[in-house]
Each structure stands twice: as C-alpha cells, then as structure tokens.
C-alpha cells in the first residue's frame, strides 16, 4: 500500500504503520549523518594539523579543499590507479 492511499483514509492502522516506519528511517538517516559529520570533523582536524606542520595551505577559509590542491590530488590518484592495475 502506498503512503498516499494509507494517508487518505485507507485505514488508521496502515497510516500509523507507515508513519512509524518513516520515523524509524528518518532516525536511521540522522544517525548516519551524525557519524559522517564526526568523521568530517576528524578529517578537518587532521588536515589542519598537517597544514600547520608542513606550512602548506590545503583548505580554504570555508573548510573546503583548495581547487588547485584537489586537482593535483586527483591527477596523482589517477596515475596511482593506473600504475597499480
């Protein structure tokens, strides 16, 4: 049964089930997002430490990777991938 049919008065039980399932899925998604945000913060901490130690700027003021740094990293990644195959 689709959400629309259930919510249009099909049955109260179906509507409750669908809303409960949607809530469960939303909570699971939120948990995943929280985990990914923590990983991102950890990566930023490491990158900032590397910047300080090497004196090399990697991130812009908003925390994004500088375009030239990203391009160089992708170019190297492509070469490494081809060499290992």
PDB file of N, CA and C in Angstrom:
ATOM      1  N   UNK A   1       0.843  -1.170   0.000  1.00  0.00           N
ATOM      2  CA  UNK A   1       0.000   0.000   0.000  1.00  0.00           C
ATOM      3  C   UNK A   1       0.893   1.239   0.000  1.00  0.00           C
ATOM      4  N   UNK A   2       0.551   2.195  -0.819  1.00  0.00           N
ATOM      5  CA  UNK A   2       1.360   3.407  -0.887  1.00  0.00           C
ATOM      6  C   UNK A   2       1.031   4.341   0.263  1.00  0.00           C
ATOM      7  N   UNK A   3       1.965   5.212   0.553  1.00  0.00           N
ATOM      8  CA  UNK A   3       1.773   6.179   1.639  1.00  0.00           C
ATOM      9  C   UNK A   3       0.551   7.055   1.364  1.00  0.00           C
ATOM     10  N   UNK A   4       0.392   7.467   0.116  1.00  0.00           N
ATOM     11  CA  UNK A   4      -0.713   8.361  -0.229  1.00  0.00           C
ATOM     12  C   UNK A   4      -2.061   7.701   0.047  1.00  0.00           C
ATOM     13  N   UNK A   5      -2.236   6.448  -0.378  1.00  0.00           N
ATOM     14  CA  UNK A   5      -3.507   5.751  -0.151  1.00  0.00           C
ATOM     15  C   UNK A   5      -3.771   5.577   1.334  1.00  0.00           C
ATOM     16  N   UNK A   6      -2.736   5.208   2.075  1.00  0.00           N
ATOM     17  CA  UNK A   6      -2.921   4.996   3.508  1.00  0.00           C
ATOM     18  C   UNK A   6      -3.274   6.299   4.205  1.00  0.00           C
ATOM     19  N   UNK A   7      -2.614   7.345   3.830  1.00  0.00           N
ATOM     20  CA  UNK A   7      -2.850   8.618   4.490  1.00  0.00           C
ATOM     21  C   UNK A   7      -4.152   9.278   4.046  1.00  0.00           C
ATOM     22  N   UNK A   8      -4.749   8.794   2.976  1.00  0.00           N
ATOM     23  CA  UNK A   8      -6.024   9.334   2.519  1.00  0.00           C
ATOM     24  C   UNK A   8      -7.197   8.621   3.177  1.00  0.00           C
ATOM     25  N   UNK A   9      -6.914   7.861   4.224  1.00  0.00           N
ATOM     26  CA  UNK A   9      -8.004   7.247   4.965  1.00  0.00           C
ATOM     27  C   UNK A   9      -8.202   5.778   4.706  1.00  0.00           C
ATOM     28  N   UNK A  10      -7.236   5.094   4.124  1.00  0.00           N
ATOM     29  CA  UNK A  10      -7.372   3.657   3.864  1.00  0.00           C
ATOM     30  C   UNK A  10      -7.692   2.948   5.176  1.00  0.00           C
ATOM     31  N   UNK A  11      -6.774   2.979   6.130  1.00  0.00           N
ATOM     32  CA  UNK A  11      -7.064   2.508   7.484  1.00  0.00           C
ATOM     33  C   UNK A  11      -6.135   3.242   8.437  1.00  0.00           C
ATOM     34  N   UNK A  12      -6.577   3.382   9.650  1.00  0.00           N
ATOM     35  CA  UNK A  12      -5.754   4.047  10.663  1.00  0.00           C
ATOM     36  C   UNK A  12      -4.519   3.220  10.961  1.00  0.00           C
ATOM     37  N   UNK A  13      -4.661   1.913  10.994  1.00  0.00           N
ATOM     38  CA  UNK A  13      -3.536   1.022  11.283  1.00  0.00           C
ATOM     39  C   UNK A  13      -2.444   1.164  10.230  1.00  0.00           C
ATOM     40  N   UNK A  14      -2.842   1.193   8.961  1.00  0.00           N
ATOM     41  CA  UNK A  14      -1.870   1.357   7.878  1.00  0.00           C
ATOM     42  C   UNK A  14      -1.163   2.705   7.981  1.00  0.00           C
ATOM     43  N   UNK A  15      -1.918   3.740   8.277  1.00  0.00           N
ATOM     44  CA  UNK A  15      -1.344   5.071   8.394  1.00  0.00           C
ATOM     45  C   UNK A  15      -0.336   5.120   9.535  1.00  0.00           C
ATOM     46  N   UNK A  16      -0.706   4.544  10.657  1.00  0.00           N
ATOM     47  CA  UNK A  16       0.206   4.527  11.812  1.00  0.00           C
ATOM     48  C   UNK A  16       1.471   3.758  11.472  1.00  0.00           C
ATOM     49  N   UNK A  17       1.322   2.609  10.825  1.00  0.00           N
ATOM     50  CA  UNK A  17       2.483   1.808  10.446  1.00  0.00           C
ATOM     51  C   UNK A  17       3.416   2.597   9.531  1.00  0.00           C
ATOM     52  N   UNK A  18       2.841   3.223   8.531  1.00  0.00           N
ATOM     53  CA  UNK A  18       3.660   3.979   7.577  1.00  0.00           C
ATOM     54  C   UNK A  18       4.378   5.127   8.278  1.00  0.00           C
ATOM     55  N   UNK A  19       3.687   5.849   9.117  1.00  0.00           N
ATOM     56  CA  UNK A  19       4.316   6.972   9.825  1.00  0.00           C
ATOM     57  C   UNK A  19       5.399   6.490  10.784  1.00  0.00           C
ATOM     58  N   UNK A  20       5.166   5.355  11.448  1.00  0.00           N
ATOM     59  CA  UNK A  20       6.196   4.801  12.332  1.00  0.00           C
ATOM     60  C   UNK A  20       7.432   4.385  11.540  1.00  0.00           C
ATOM     61  N   UNK A  21       7.208   3.757  10.402  1.00  0.00           N
ATOM     62  CA  UNK A  21       8.333   3.316   9.559  1.00  0.00           C
ATOM     63  C   UNK A  21       9.114   4.514   9.043  1.00  0.00           C
ATOM     64  N   UNK A  22       8.406   5.547   8.624  1.00  0.00           N
ATOM     65  CA  UNK A  22       9.085   6.756   8.150  1.00  0.00           C
ATOM     66  C   UNK A  22       9.913   7.389   9.270  1.00  0.00           C
ATOM     67  N   UNK A  23       9.384   7.372  10.475  1.00  0.00           N
ATOM     68  CA  UNK A  23      10.114   7.909  11.627  1.00  0.00           C
ATOM     69  C   UNK A  23      11.371   7.093  11.883  1.00  0.00           C
ATOM     70  N   UNK A  24      11.259   5.764  11.828  1.00  0.00           N
ATOM     71  CA  UNK A  24      12.422   4.892  12.019  1.00  0.00           C
ATOM     72  C   UNK A  24      13.489   5.176  10.972  1.00  0.00           C
ATOM     73  N   UNK A  25      13.068   5.305   9.725  1.00  0.00           N
ATOM     74  CA  UNK A  25      14.018   5.577   8.648  1.00  0.00           C
ATOM     75  C   UNK A  25      14.677   6.944   8.810  1.00  0.00           C
ATOM     76  N   UNK A  26      13.900   7.931   9.236  1.00  0.00           N
ATOM     77  CA  UNK A  26      14.450   9.264   9.465  1.00  0.00           C
ATOM     78  C   UNK A  26      15.484   9.239  10.588  1.00  0.00           C
ATOM     79  N   UNK A  27      15.207   8.461  11.632  1.00  0.00           N
ATOM     80  CA  UNK A  27      16.156   8.339  12.744  1.00  0.00           C
ATOM     81  C   UNK A  27      17.434   7.639  12.300  1.00  0.00           C
ATOM     82  N   UNK A  28      17.303   6.597  11.476  1.00  0.00           N
ATOM     83  CA  UNK A  28      18.479   5.896  10.953  1.00  0.00           C
ATOM     84  C   UNK A  28      19.323   6.842  10.092  1.00  0.00           C
ATOM     85  N   UNK A  29      18.653   7.609   9.254  1.00  0.00           N
ATOM     86  CA  UNK A  29      19.359   8.569   8.409  1.00  0.00           C
ATOM     87  C   UNK A  29      20.066   9.616   9.258  1.00  0.00           C
ATOM     88  N   UNK A  30      19.395  10.094  10.285  1.00  0.00           N
ATOM     89  CA  UNK A  30      20.005  11.078  11.177  1.00  0.00           C
ATOM     90  C   UNK A  30      21.244  10.500  11.851  1.00  0.00           C
ATOM     91  N   UNK A  31      21.165   9.251  12.308  1.00  0.00           N
ATOM     92  CA  UNK A  31      22.326   8.608  12.935  1.00  0.00           C
ATOM     93  C   UNK A  31      23.498   8.528  11.962  1.00  0.00           C
ATOM     94  N   UNK A  32      23.211   8.165  10.716  1.00  0.00           N
ATOM     95  CA  UNK A  32      24.272   8.105   9.707  1.00  0.00           C
ATOM     96  C   UNK A  32      24.892   9.481   9.465  1.00  0.00           C
ATOM     97  N   UNK A  33      24.049  10.496   9.400  1.00  0.00           N
ATOM     98  CA  UNK A  33      24.558  11.846   9.184  1.00  0.00           C
ATOM     99  C   UNK A  33      25.430  12.315  10.339  1.00  0.00           C
ATOM    100  N   UNK A  34      25.038  12.003  11.561  1.00  0.00           N
ATOM    101  CA  UNK A  34      25.836  12.374  12.733  1.00  0.00           C
ATOM    102  C   UNK A  34      27.203  11.692  12.673  1.00  0.00           C
ATOM    103  N   UNK A  35      27.238  10.406  12.317  1.00  0.00           N
ATOM    104  CA  UNK A  35      28.507   9.684  12.197  1.00  0.00           C
ATOM    105  C   UNK A  35      29.395  10.312  11.126  1.00  0.00           C
ATOM    106  N   UNK A  36      28.801  10.657   9.981  1.00  0.00           N
ATOM    107  CA  UNK A  36      29.573  11.250   8.891  1.00  0.00           C
ATOM    108  C   UNK A  36      30.085  12.641   9.261  1.00  0.00           C
ATOM    109  N   UNK A  37      29.282  13.405   9.989  1.00  0.00           N
ATOM    110  CA  UNK A  37      29.734  14.720  10.446  1.00  0.00           C
ATOM    111  C   UNK A  37      30.930  14.587  11.372  1.00  0.00           C
ATOM    112  N   UNK A  38      30.911  13.594  12.247  1.00  0.00           N
ATOM    113  CA  UNK A  38      32.037  13.368  13.157  1.00  0.00           C
ATOM    114  C   UNK A  38      33.285  13.005  12.363  1.00  0.00           C
ATOM    115  N   UNK A  39      33.142  12.130  11.366  1.00  0.00           N
ATOM    116  CA  UNK A  39      34.282  11.767  10.525  1.00  0.00           C
ATOM    117  C   UNK A  39      34.852  13.004   9.831  1.00  0.00           C
ATOM    118  N   UNK A  40      33.967  13.828   9.305  1.00  0.00           N
ATOM    119  CA  UNK A  40      34.399  15.032   8.612  1.00  0.00           C
ATOM    120  C   UNK A  40      35.172  15.954   9.548  1.00  0.00           C
ATOM    121  N   UNK A  41      34.676  16.124  10.765  1.00  0.00           N
ATOM    122  CA  UNK A  41      35.381  16.957  11.747  1.00  0.00           C
ATOM    123  C   UNK A  41      36.754  16.377  12.066  1.00  0.00           C
ATOM    124  N   UNK A  42      36.817  15.066  12.189  1.00  0.00           N
ATOM    125  CA  UNK A  42      38.104  14.412  12.449  1.00  0.00           C
ATOM    126  C   UNK A  42      39.079  14.643  11.294  1.00  0.00           C
ATOM    127  N   UNK A  43      38.593  14.494  10.059  1.00  0.00           N
ATOM    128  CA  UNK A  43      39.447  14.725   8.895  1.00  0.00           C
ATOM    129  C   UNK A  43      39.935  16.173   8.850  1.00  0.00           C
ATOM    130  N   UNK A  44      39.046  17.105   9.145  1.00  0.00           N
ATOM    131  CA  UNK A  44      39.440  18.511   9.145  1.00  0.00           C
ATOM    132  C   UNK A  44      40.508  18.791  10.196  1.00  0.00           C
ATOM    133  N   UNK A  45      40.366  18.168  11.351  1.00  0.00           N
ATOM    134  CA  UNK A  45      41.367  18.324  12.403  1.00  0.00           C
ATOM    135  C   UNK A  45      42.731  17.829  11.925  1.00  0.00           C
ATOM    136  N   UNK A  46      42.747  16.674  11.287  1.00  0.00           N
ATOM    137  CA  UNK A  46      43.998  16.110  10.776  1.00  0.00           C
ATOM    138  C   UNK A  46      44.589  16.997   9.689  1.00  0.00           C
ATOM    139  N   UNK A  47      43.765  17.455   8.768  1.00  0.00           N
ATOM    140  CA  UNK A  47      44.246  18.303   7.675  1.00  0.00           C
ATOM    141  C   UNK A  47      44.820  19.607   8.221  1.00  0.00           C
ATOM    142  N   UNK A  48      44.147  20.206   9.176  1.00  0.00           N
ATOM    143  CA  UNK A  48      44.654  21.447   9.772  1.00  0.00           C
ATOM    144  C   UNK A  48      45.996  21.219  10.456  1.00  0.00           C
ATOM    145  N   UNK A  49      46.148  20.082  11.120  1.00  0.00           N
ATOM    146  CA  UNK A  49      47.420  19.760  11.765  1.00  0.00           C
ATOM    147  C   UNK A  49      48.521  19.603  10.715  1.00  0.00           C
ATOM    148  N   UNK A  50      48.219  18.927   9.626  1.00  0.00           N
ATOM    149  CA  UNK A  50      49.190  18.750   8.537  1.00  0.00           C
ATOM    150  C   UNK A  50      49.557  20.111   7.947  1.00  0.00           C
ATOM    151  N   UNK A  51      48.568  20.977   7.788  1.00  0.00           N
ATOM    152  CA  UNK A  51      48.847  22.332   7.286  1.00  0.00           C
ATOM    153  C   UNK A  51      49.842  23.048   8.195  1.00  0.00           C
ATOM    154  N   UNK A  52      49.601  22.975   9.499  1.00  0.00           N
ATOM    155  CA  UNK A  52      50.497  23.646  10.451  1.00  0.00           C
ATOM    156  C   UNK A  52      51.901  23.060  10.399  1.00  0.00           C
ATOM    157  N   UNK A  53      51.996  21.743  10.326  1.00  0.00           N
ATOM    158  CA  UNK A  53      53.297  21.082  10.343  1.00  0.00           C
ATOM    159  C   UNK A  53      54.092  21.311   9.064  1.00  0.00           C
ATOM    160  N   UNK A  54      53.389  21.363   7.939  1.00  0.00           N
ATOM    161  CA  UNK A  54      54.085  21.483   6.651  1.00  0.00           C
ATOM    162  C   UNK A  54      54.134  22.902   6.126  1.00  0.00           C
ATOM    163  N   UNK A  55      53.303  23.777   6.682  1.00  0.00           N
ATOM    164  CA  UNK A  55      53.236  25.143   6.169  1.00  0.00           C
ATOM    165  C   UNK A  55      52.561  25.223   4.805  1.00  0.00           C
ATOM    166  N   UNK A  56      51.840  24.179   4.444  1.00  0.00           N
ATOM    167  CA  UNK A  56      51.144  24.117   3.155  1.00  0.00           C
ATOM    168  C   UNK A  56      49.659  24.327   3.374  1.00  0.00           C
ATOM    169  N   UNK A  57      49.083  25.250   2.611  1.00  0.00           N
ATOM    170  CA  UNK A  57      47.652  25.529   2.708  1.00  0.00           C
ATOM    171  C   UNK A  57      46.891  24.529   1.844  1.00  0.00           C
ATOM    172  N   UNK A  58      45.937  23.820   2.456  1.00  0.00           N
ATOM    173  CA  UNK A  58      45.143  22.817   1.760  1.00  0.00           C
ATOM    174  C   UNK A  58      43.676  23.235   1.705  1.00  0.00           C
ATOM    175  N   UNK A  59      43.199  23.860   2.797  1.00  0.00           N
ATOM    176  CA  UNK A  59      41.795  24.234   2.901  1.00  0.00           C
ATOM    177  C   UNK A  59      41.595  25.733   2.701  1.00  0.00           C
ATOM    178  N   UNK A  60      40.444  26.086   2.121  1.00  0.00           N
ATOM    179  CA  UNK A  60      40.088  27.499   2.014  1.00  0.00           C
ATOM    180  C   UNK A  60      39.464  27.956   3.331  1.00  0.00           C
ATOM    181  N   UNK A  61      39.046  29.198   3.389  1.00  0.00           N
ATOM    182  CA  UNK A  61      38.505  29.753   4.633  1.00  0.00           C
ATOM    183  C   UNK A  61      37.211  29.082   5.086  1.00  0.00           C
ATOM    184  N   UNK A  62      36.486  28.458   4.160  1.00  0.00           N
ATOM    185  CA  UNK A  62      35.231  27.778   4.493  1.00  0.00           C
ATOM    186  C   UNK A  62      35.426  26.302   4.821  1.00  0.00           C
ATOM    187  N   UNK A  63      36.662  25.827   4.813  1.00  0.00           N
ATOM    188  CA  UNK A  63      36.936  24.431   5.127  1.00  0.00           C
ATOM    189  C   UNK A  63      36.920  23.517   3.918  1.00  0.00           C
ATOM    190  N   UNK A  64      36.727  24.083   2.736  1.00  0.00           N
ATOM    191  CA  UNK A  64      36.758  23.276   1.519  1.00  0.00           C
ATOM    192  C   UNK A  64      38.185  23.135   1.017  1.00  0.00           C
ATOM    193  N   UNK A  65      38.430  22.113   0.235  1.00  0.00           N
ATOM    194  CA  UNK A  65      39.759  21.891  -0.322  1.00  0.00           C
ATOM    195  C   UNK A  65      39.990  22.913  -1.431  1.00  0.00           C
ATOM    196  N   UNK A  66      41.170  23.527  -1.423  1.00  0.00           N
ATOM    197  CA  UNK A  66      41.510  24.490  -2.465  1.00  0.00           C
ATOM    198  C   UNK A  66      41.486  23.799  -3.826  1.00  0.00           C
ATOM    199  N   UNK A  67      40.947  24.464  -4.860  1.00  0.00           N
ATOM    200  CA  UNK A  67      40.798  23.831  -6.178  1.00  0.00           C
ATOM    201  C   UNK A  67      42.102  23.272  -6.742  1.00  0.00           C
ATOM    202  N   UNK A  68      43.201  24.012  -6.626  1.00  0.00           N
ATOM    203  CA  UNK A  68      44.460  23.523  -7.195  1.00  0.00           C
ATOM    204  C   UNK A  68      44.973  22.294  -6.436  1.00  0.00           C
ATOM    205  N   UNK A  69      44.765  22.266  -5.126  1.00  0.00           N
ATOM    206  CA  UNK A  69      45.172  21.109  -4.324  1.00  0.00           C
ATOM    207  C   UNK A  69      44.338  19.893  -4.722  1.00  0.00           C
ATOM    208  N   UNK A  70      43.058  20.079  -4.887  1.00  0.00           N
ATOM    209  CA  UNK A  70      42.167  18.986  -5.277  1.00  0.00           C
ATOM    210  C   UNK A  70      42.532  18.444  -6.654  1.00  0.00           C
ATOM    211  N   UNK A  71      42.820  19.348  -7.580  1.00  0.00           N
ATOM    212  CA  UNK A  71      43.187  18.929  -8.935  1.00  0.00           C
ATOM    213  C   UNK A  71      44.467  18.096  -8.903  1.00  0.00           C
ATOM    214  N   UNK A  72      45.473  18.574  -8.167  1.00  0.00           N
ATOM    215  CA  UNK A  72      46.723  17.818  -8.069  1.00  0.00           C
ATOM    216  C   UNK A  72      46.494  16.447  -7.430  1.00  0.00           C
ATOM    217  N   UNK A  73      45.684  16.399  -6.402  1.00  0.00           N
ATOM    218  CA  UNK A  73      45.406  15.128  -5.720  1.00  0.00           C
ATOM    219  C   UNK A  73      44.694  14.150  -6.660  1.00  0.00           C
ATOM    220  N   UNK A  74      43.745  14.661  -7.435  1.00  0.00           N
ATOM    221  CA  UNK A  74      43.033  13.795  -8.380  1.00  0.00           C
ATOM    222  C   UNK A  74      43.958  13.315  -9.485  1.00  0.00           C
ATOM    223  N   UNK A  75      44.833  14.205  -9.965  1.00  0.00           N
ATOM    224  CA  UNK A  75      45.782  13.815 -11.013  1.00  0.00           C
ATOM    225  C   UNK A  75      46.704  12.709 -10.514  1.00  0.00           C
ATOM    226  N   UNK A  76      47.195  12.834  -9.301  1.00  0.00           N
ATOM    227  CA  UNK A  76      48.073  11.828  -8.720  1.00  0.00           C
ATOM    228  C   UNK A  76      47.301  10.532  -8.492  1.00  0.00           C
ATOM    229  N   UNK A  77      46.062  10.643  -8.039  1.00  0.00           N
ATOM    230  CA  UNK A  77      45.237   9.455  -7.786  1.00  0.00           C
ATOM    231  C   UNK A  77      45.017   8.682  -9.085  1.00  0.00           C
ATOM    232  N   UNK A  78      44.798   9.391 -10.183  1.00  0.00           N
ATOM    233  CA  UNK A  78      44.595   8.727 -11.474  1.00  0.00           C
ATOM    234  C   UNK A  78      45.858   7.986 -11.893  1.00  0.00           C
ATOM    235  N   UNK A  79      47.008   8.597 -11.696  1.00  0.00           N
ATOM    236  CA  UNK A  79      48.272   7.953 -12.054  1.00  0.00           C
ATOM    237  C   UNK A  79      48.506   6.732 -11.183  1.00  0.00           C
ATOM    238  N   UNK A  80      48.271   6.861  -9.875  1.00  0.00           N
ATOM    239  CA  UNK A  80      48.460   5.744  -8.970  1.00  0.00           C
ATOM    240  C   UNK A  80      47.539   4.582  -9.313  1.00  0.00           C
ATOM    241  N   UNK A  81      46.311   4.893  -9.676  1.00  0.00           N
ATOM    242  CA  UNK A  81      45.342   3.853 -10.017  1.00  0.00           C
ATOM    243  C   UNK A  81      45.802   3.092 -11.256  1.00  0.00           C
ATOM    244  N   UNK A  82      46.244   3.802 -12.262  1.00  0.00           N
ATOM    245  CA  UNK A  82      46.696   3.151 -13.497  1.00  0.00           C
ATOM    246  C   UNK A  82      47.946   2.304 -13.237  1.00  0.00           C
ATOM    247  N   UNK A  83      48.842   2.777 -12.383  1.00  0.00           N
ATOM    248  CA  UNK A  83      50.080   2.044 -12.111  1.00  0.00           C
ATOM    249  C   UNK A  83      49.823   0.752 -11.349  1.00  0.00           C
ATOM    250  N   UNK A  84      48.778   0.707 -10.573  1.00  0.00           N
ATOM    251  CA  UNK A  84      48.532  -0.482  -9.748  1.00  0.00           C
ATOM    252  C   UNK A  84      47.701  -1.532 -10.456  1.00  0.00           C
ATOM    253  N   UNK A  85      47.152  -1.214 -11.584  1.00  0.00           N
ATOM    254  CA  UNK A  85      46.305  -2.193 -12.293  1.00  0.00           C
ATOM    255  C   UNK A  85      47.124  -3.123 -13.140  1.00  0.00           C
TER     256      UNK A  85
END
